[in-house]
Amino acid sequence: MSLIPSMFGGRRNNILDPFSMDIWDPFSSFSSSALSNTSNNETSAFANARIDWKETPEAHIFKADLPGLKKEEVKVEVEEDRVLQLSGERSREHEEKNDKWHRMERSSGKFVRRFRLPDNAKMDQIKASMENGVLTVTVPKEEQKKPQVKAIDISG
């Protein structure tokens, strides 16, 4: 049995693959609720939309590859418990009576990806844009307060 995470192949419901969870919360320890992987029959292979999450000193930035989707077909939502939800749907191509399909490999269906945001996320300033099939969601971060150091005079 291999201990290599599923990002290198295999099933996507591996405990070592944080993107396979219903909500990925890298900011808390693994708990039974965080590991619950609910399956939704309405989702398809398109549910595996590839998403990058990077953190800069100023923000958390999510980039999702959603080729062929228009911004009207994608939703970006934030739930009360600091969960960012990206969702959308790609419809199947309309079949005409005289069409003869030789191969159908492009996936269609709904996708939903959820991420628990850290405490330093500015929830009211989230911005999203979509260009050339790439959705970019920027979540600004609160400024880290540096501890104030006060010198104390030493009496003699």
Protein backbone atom coordinates (compact mmCIF):
# COMPACT_ATOMS: atom_id res chain seq x y z
CA MET A 1 0.00 0.00 0.00
CA SER A 2 1.36 3.38 -0.95
CA LEU A 3 1.46 6.33 1.42
CA ILE A 4 1.74 8.83 -1.40
CA PRO A 5 -1.12 11.36 -1.26
CA SER A 6 -3.83 11.12 -3.88
CA MET A 7 -2.61 14.26 -5.66
CA PHE A 8 -0.24 11.86 -7.43
CA GLY A 9 -3.04 9.60 -8.59
CA GLY A 10 -5.66 7.34 -7.08
CA ARG A 11 -8.83 8.11 -5.17
CA ARG A 12 -9.56 11.72 -4.19
CA ASN A 13 -11.13 10.96 -0.81
CA ASN A 14 -7.78 10.34 0.85
CA ILE A 15 -7.22 11.83 4.30
CA LEU A 16 -3.85 13.15 3.07
CA ASP A 17 -5.55 15.19 0.34
CA PRO A 18 -7.03 18.32 1.97
CA PHE A 19 -8.81 19.28 -1.26
CA SER A 20 -10.94 16.11 -1.09
CA MET A 21 -12.73 17.25 2.08
CA ASP A 22 -16.08 18.97 2.13
CA ILE A 23 -14.51 22.02 3.79
CA TRP A 24 -10.77 22.36 3.91
CA ASP A 25 -9.66 24.03 7.11
CA PRO A 26 -5.88 24.22 7.30
CA PHE A 27 -6.11 26.41 10.39
CA SER A 28 -7.50 23.83 12.78
CA SER A 29 -6.60 20.31 13.76
CA PHE A 30 -8.21 17.42 11.95
CA SER A 31 -11.53 16.66 13.59
CA SER A 32 -14.24 14.23 12.66
CA SER A 33 -16.47 17.04 11.39
CA ALA A 34 -13.70 18.49 9.20
CA LEU A 35 -13.04 15.07 7.71
CA SER A 36 -16.63 14.32 6.81
CA ASN A 37 -16.71 13.92 3.08
CA THR A 38 -20.29 14.23 1.94
CA SER A 39 -20.89 13.02 -1.56
CA ASN A 40 -23.29 14.87 -3.78
CA ASN A 41 -24.76 12.90 -6.67
CA GLU A 42 -25.32 16.10 -8.62
CA THR A 43 -21.61 16.83 -8.84
CA SER A 44 -19.48 15.26 -11.53
CA ALA A 45 -15.90 15.07 -12.70
CA PHE A 46 -16.17 18.83 -13.10
CA ALA A 47 -16.35 18.97 -9.29
CA ASN A 48 -12.60 18.49 -9.31
CA ALA A 49 -12.10 22.06 -10.50
CA ARG A 50 -8.45 22.82 -9.88
CA ILE A 51 -7.96 25.59 -7.33
CA ASP A 52 -4.76 27.17 -6.04
CA TRP A 53 -4.68 28.97 -2.68
CA LYS A 54 -1.72 31.20 -1.96
CA GLU A 55 -1.08 33.52 0.93
CA THR A 56 0.80 36.79 0.56
CA PRO A 57 1.56 39.26 3.35
CA GLU A 58 -1.53 41.26 2.26
CA ALA A 59 -4.11 38.64 1.23
CA HIS A 60 -5.23 35.07 0.59
CA ILE A 61 -5.60 34.53 -3.16
CA PHE A 62 -7.64 31.73 -4.71
CA LYS A 63 -7.35 30.91 -8.44
CA ALA A 64 -9.71 28.43 -10.05
CA ASP A 65 -9.43 27.07 -13.57
CA LEU A 66 -12.95 27.13 -15.00
CA PRO A 67 -12.48 26.90 -18.77
CA GLY A 68 -15.54 27.61 -20.84
CA LEU A 69 -17.56 29.15 -18.01
CA LYS A 70 -18.86 32.70 -18.01
CA LYS A 71 -18.85 34.76 -14.82
CA GLU A 72 -22.66 34.51 -14.78
CA GLU A 73 -22.33 30.72 -14.37
CA VAL A 74 -20.09 30.99 -11.28
CA LYS A 75 -21.00 31.96 -7.69
CA VAL A 76 -18.65 33.18 -4.97
CA GLU A 77 -20.26 33.19 -1.52
CA VAL A 78 -19.12 33.60 2.08
CA GLU A 79 -20.97 31.88 4.89
CA GLU A 80 -21.22 33.23 8.44
CA ASP A 81 -18.71 30.75 9.84
CA ARG A 82 -15.89 32.11 7.61
CA VAL A 83 -16.37 29.61 4.80
CA LEU A 84 -15.63 30.69 1.24
CA GLN A 85 -17.73 28.74 -1.26
CA LEU A 86 -17.01 28.64 -5.00
CA SER A 87 -19.65 26.97 -7.14
CA GLY A 88 -20.99 26.81 -10.65
CA GLU A 89 -22.30 24.60 -13.40
CA ARG A 90 -21.24 23.71 -16.90
CA SER A 91 -24.14 22.48 -19.02
CA ARG A 92 -23.88 19.60 -21.43
CA GLU A 93 -23.56 20.62 -25.03
CA HIS A 94 -26.87 20.62 -26.85
CA GLU A 95 -27.26 17.61 -29.15
CA GLU A 96 -28.86 18.05 -32.51
CA LYS A 97 -30.77 15.24 -34.14
CA ASN A 98 -28.20 14.80 -36.91
CA ASP A 99 -25.10 15.05 -34.69
CA LYS A 100 -22.77 12.08 -34.54
CA TRP A 101 -20.47 12.20 -31.52
CA HIS A 102 -17.13 10.40 -31.83
CA ARG A 103 -15.79 11.28 -28.39
CA MET A 104 -17.07 13.22 -25.39
CA GLU A 105 -14.31 13.93 -22.84
CA ARG A 106 -15.09 17.42 -21.56
CA SER A 107 -16.80 17.23 -18.21
CA SER A 108 -20.04 18.92 -17.34
CA GLY A 109 -22.12 19.29 -14.23
CA LYS A 110 -22.02 21.22 -10.97
CA PHE A 111 -19.05 21.92 -8.78
CA VAL A 112 -18.79 23.21 -5.24
CA ARG A 113 -15.53 23.88 -3.40
CA ARG A 114 -15.45 25.20 0.17
CA PHE A 115 -12.58 26.64 2.21
CA ARG A 116 -12.55 27.79 5.83
CA LEU A 117 -10.86 31.17 5.98
CA PRO A 118 -8.48 32.14 8.80
CA ASP A 119 -9.33 34.61 11.54
CA ASN A 120 -7.26 37.36 9.93
CA ALA A 121 -9.41 37.46 6.76
CA LYS A 122 -11.29 40.71 6.10
CA MET A 123 -14.65 39.14 5.27
CA ASP A 124 -16.25 42.40 4.13
CA GLN A 125 -13.56 43.23 1.55
CA ILE A 126 -13.45 40.06 -0.58
CA LYS A 127 -13.17 40.69 -4.32
CA ALA A 128 -13.59 38.31 -7.27
CA SER A 129 -12.77 38.62 -10.96
CA MET A 130 -12.84 36.27 -13.93
CA GLU A 131 -10.63 36.47 -16.99
CA ASN A 132 -9.94 33.86 -19.68
CA GLY A 133 -11.63 31.08 -17.68
CA VAL A 134 -9.67 31.77 -14.49
CA LEU A 135 -11.59 32.91 -11.40
CA THR A 136 -9.48 34.94 -8.96
CA VAL A 137 -10.80 35.58 -5.46
CA THR A 138 -8.79 37.92 -3.24
CA VAL A 139 -9.39 37.92 0.51
CA PRO A 140 -7.49 40.78 2.19
CA LYS A 141 -5.89 40.11 5.56
CA GLU A 142 -5.99 42.16 8.75
CA GLU A 143 -2.74 43.94 9.44
CA GLN A 144 -0.61 42.09 11.95
CA LYS A 145 -0.20 44.28 15.00
CA LYS A 146 3.37 44.38 16.14
CA PRO A 147 3.79 44.26 19.90
CA GLN A 148 4.77 47.59 21.35
CA VAL A 149 7.99 47.57 23.30
CA LYS A 150 8.30 50.09 26.09
CA ALA A 151 11.66 50.69 27.68
CA ILE A 152 11.67 50.69 31.46
CA ASP A 153 14.19 52.83 33.31
CA ILE A 154 16.21 50.95 35.84
CA SER A 155 16.52 52.78 39.12
CA GLY A 156 19.71 52.50 41.01
